[in-house]
Amino acid sequence: MKTLLMSFAAVMFLLPTDSFGQKPTKTTVCGDPSAACSKRAAFRDEDIPFEFNQGSVVAETAPFYIVIVKSAKIAQDSDCEKTPTDFDRYELQYGFLRNKVFVARGCYSVTNNYYTKLGTNIIAIAIFAGTTKAQADAFLKKVRSGNIFGAKDAYLLRTTTGFNGT
């Protein structure tokens, strides 16, 4: 009996974990606002959209780079839905027509994407910088050289985004 239980435990240990719950689907972000993206309408304009399988409850993108132009730390009990008033996403987007400008949130929000490695209770205005370090470094240089208020302090962050509806 003891051998049978040990064998059963070994088999259960070796089974893939996605048989017990949904594993996130790794997809790519739609970093160019002018390019086709079949799921764009599923996201708020201030989020960066990404492709995901229809019916997905959990989805996460492959890693990509963003340029953080400005960020703000919010209080633990603050409303994560509210974007700081000095985050002028539309004006910034006008300067970067091929790179999505979005609001990244490092706090829990039912209606927004989550962003890894951003920091707890941080809200940032960010720009998609590419999927490789070389692309991101070149784009950061372009952002810093522009006439954007505060962009001299802009920095890169490698992140993923997604949603978890479970």
Protein backbone atom coordinates (compact mmCIF):
# COMPACT_ATOMS: atom_id res chain seq x y z
CA MET A 1 0.00 0.00 0.00
CA LYS A 2 2.85 2.39 0.92
CA THR A 3 4.50 1.74 -2.48
CA LEU A 4 1.22 2.44 -4.28
CA LEU A 5 0.79 5.78 -2.47
CA MET A 6 4.38 6.78 -3.21
CA SER A 7 3.90 5.91 -6.90
CA PHE A 8 0.69 7.96 -7.03
CA ALA A 9 2.43 10.93 -5.39
CA ALA A 10 5.30 10.70 -7.89
CA VAL A 11 2.89 10.68 -10.85
CA MET A 12 0.98 13.68 -9.45
CA PHE A 13 4.25 15.56 -8.97
CA LEU A 14 5.28 14.96 -12.57
CA LEU A 15 1.97 16.06 -14.14
CA PRO A 16 2.10 19.48 -15.74
CA THR A 17 0.62 22.20 -13.54
CA ASP A 18 -1.61 23.54 -16.31
CA SER A 19 -3.78 20.45 -15.97
CA PHE A 20 -4.94 21.87 -12.62
CA GLY A 21 -5.43 25.50 -13.64
CA GLN A 22 -5.12 27.77 -16.62
CA LYS A 23 -1.57 28.69 -17.50
CA PRO A 24 -1.01 32.20 -18.87
CA THR A 25 -0.79 32.46 -22.64
CA LYS A 26 2.43 34.24 -23.68
CA THR A 27 1.66 36.71 -26.46
CA THR A 28 3.14 39.87 -27.92
CA VAL A 29 2.07 43.43 -27.26
CA CYS A 30 0.74 45.69 -29.97
CA GLY A 31 3.45 48.32 -29.52
CA ASP A 32 2.79 50.21 -32.77
CA PRO A 33 -0.57 52.03 -32.57
CA SER A 34 -0.81 52.18 -36.37
CA ALA A 35 -0.31 48.41 -36.88
CA ALA A 36 -3.08 45.83 -36.96
CA CYS A 37 -4.04 44.33 -33.61
CA SER A 38 -7.12 42.14 -33.52
CA LYS A 39 -7.72 42.64 -29.78
CA ARG A 40 -7.17 46.42 -29.65
CA ALA A 41 -10.86 47.10 -28.97
CA ALA A 42 -10.76 44.89 -25.85
CA PHE A 43 -8.47 47.38 -24.08
CA ARG A 44 -8.89 50.90 -22.79
CA ASP A 45 -7.03 53.51 -24.82
CA GLU A 46 -4.64 54.18 -21.94
CA ASP A 47 -3.51 50.52 -21.81
CA ILE A 48 -1.10 48.84 -24.21
CA PRO A 49 -3.09 46.18 -26.08
CA PHE A 50 -1.90 42.68 -26.80
CA GLU A 51 -3.11 39.62 -28.62
CA PHE A 52 -4.69 36.84 -26.54
CA ASN A 53 -6.75 33.74 -27.18
CA GLN A 54 -10.51 34.22 -27.12
CA GLY A 55 -11.92 32.94 -23.84
CA SER A 56 -8.63 33.38 -21.97
CA VAL A 57 -9.05 34.04 -18.28
CA VAL A 58 -5.34 34.53 -17.71
CA ALA A 59 -2.99 36.05 -20.28
CA GLU A 60 0.51 37.48 -20.06
CA THR A 61 2.79 38.83 -22.74
CA ALA A 62 6.32 37.88 -23.54
CA PRO A 63 8.83 40.39 -22.08
CA PHE A 64 9.23 43.74 -23.80
CA TYR A 65 10.88 47.09 -23.03
CA ILE A 66 9.24 50.35 -22.09
CA VAL A 67 10.58 53.84 -21.46
CA ILE A 68 9.25 55.31 -18.23
CA VAL A 69 8.91 59.04 -18.81
CA LYS A 70 7.23 59.97 -15.55
CA SER A 71 5.99 58.06 -12.52
CA ALA A 72 4.14 58.71 -9.30
CA LYS A 73 3.83 56.71 -6.11
CA ILE A 74 0.29 56.56 -4.80
CA ALA A 75 -0.86 55.84 -1.27
CA GLN A 76 -1.76 52.24 -0.42
CA ASP A 77 -5.46 53.08 -0.15
CA SER A 78 -5.62 55.36 -3.22
CA ASP A 79 -7.84 54.65 -6.19
CA CYS A 80 -5.63 52.92 -8.74
CA GLU A 81 -8.05 53.86 -11.52
CA LYS A 82 -7.22 57.56 -11.27
CA THR A 83 -4.40 58.76 -13.49
CA PRO A 84 -2.33 61.72 -12.23
CA THR A 85 -3.46 64.91 -13.94
CA ASP A 86 0.04 65.81 -15.16
CA PHE A 87 0.26 62.64 -17.29
CA ASP A 88 -0.45 64.10 -20.72
CA ARG A 89 -0.56 60.85 -22.68
CA TYR A 90 -2.16 62.37 -25.80
CA GLU A 91 0.52 65.02 -26.30
CA LEU A 92 3.26 62.46 -25.77
CA GLN A 93 1.61 60.02 -28.20
CA TYR A 94 1.61 62.73 -30.87
CA GLY A 95 5.41 62.83 -30.63
CA PHE A 96 5.78 59.04 -31.04
CA LEU A 97 3.30 57.85 -33.66
CA ARG A 98 4.86 54.36 -34.02
CA ASN A 99 5.27 53.64 -30.29
CA LYS A 100 2.26 53.23 -28.02
CA VAL A 101 2.14 55.65 -25.09
CA PHE A 102 0.22 54.19 -22.16
CA VAL A 103 -0.33 54.31 -18.42
CA ALA A 104 1.32 51.43 -16.56
CA ARG A 105 -0.05 50.62 -13.13
CA GLY A 106 1.78 48.79 -10.38
CA CYS A 107 -1.32 48.55 -8.24
CA TYR A 108 -4.37 46.33 -8.36
CA SER A 109 -7.10 47.41 -10.72
CA VAL A 110 -9.88 45.23 -12.08
CA THR A 111 -10.19 47.17 -15.33
CA ASN A 112 -6.50 47.68 -16.18
CA ASN A 113 -3.61 45.47 -17.23
CA TYR A 114 -1.00 44.58 -14.63
CA TYR A 115 2.68 45.30 -15.28
CA THR A 116 5.51 43.29 -13.78
CA LYS A 117 8.63 44.88 -12.27
CA LEU A 118 7.01 48.32 -12.10
CA GLY A 119 6.81 48.53 -8.32
CA THR A 120 3.94 48.45 -5.88
CA ASN A 121 1.60 51.44 -5.98
CA ILE A 122 3.43 53.08 -8.87
CA ILE A 123 1.60 54.66 -11.80
CA ALA A 124 3.78 55.59 -14.77
CA ILE A 125 3.42 57.11 -18.20
CA ALA A 126 5.38 54.86 -20.49
CA ILE A 127 6.22 54.34 -24.15
CA PHE A 128 6.69 51.00 -25.88
CA ALA A 129 10.42 50.77 -26.70
CA GLY A 130 10.73 47.39 -28.44
CA THR A 131 11.27 43.73 -27.77
CA THR A 132 15.08 43.71 -27.81
CA LYS A 133 17.59 45.58 -25.68
CA ALA A 134 19.17 47.13 -28.79
CA GLN A 135 15.80 48.52 -29.95
CA ALA A 136 15.07 49.82 -26.47
CA ASP A 137 18.45 51.51 -26.03
CA ALA A 138 18.10 53.29 -29.39
CA PHE A 139 14.57 54.40 -28.56
CA LEU A 140 15.56 55.66 -25.10
CA LYS A 141 18.26 57.79 -26.72
CA LYS A 142 15.62 59.24 -29.08
CA VAL A 143 13.25 60.02 -26.19
CA ARG A 144 15.97 61.68 -24.10
CA SER A 145 17.13 63.83 -27.01
CA GLY A 146 13.65 65.20 -27.69
CA ASN A 147 12.02 68.29 -26.27
CA ILE A 148 9.84 66.41 -23.83
CA PHE A 149 9.46 67.83 -20.33
CA GLY A 150 11.13 65.48 -17.85
CA ALA A 151 12.37 63.05 -20.53
CA LYS A 152 16.01 63.62 -19.58
CA ASP A 153 15.32 61.36 -16.57
CA ALA A 154 13.52 58.70 -18.63
CA TYR A 155 14.68 55.13 -18.10
CA LEU A 156 14.13 51.63 -19.48
CA LEU A 157 12.21 48.83 -17.86
CA ARG A 158 11.85 45.27 -19.13
CA THR A 159 8.34 44.16 -18.24
CA THR A 160 5.40 41.97 -19.14
CA THR A 161 1.74 42.88 -19.02
CA GLY A 162 -1.38 40.87 -18.77
CA PHE A 163 -4.65 40.25 -17.03
CA ASN A 164 -5.87 37.73 -14.53
CA GLY A 165 -9.61 37.24 -14.49
CA THR A 166 -9.58 34.32 -12.06
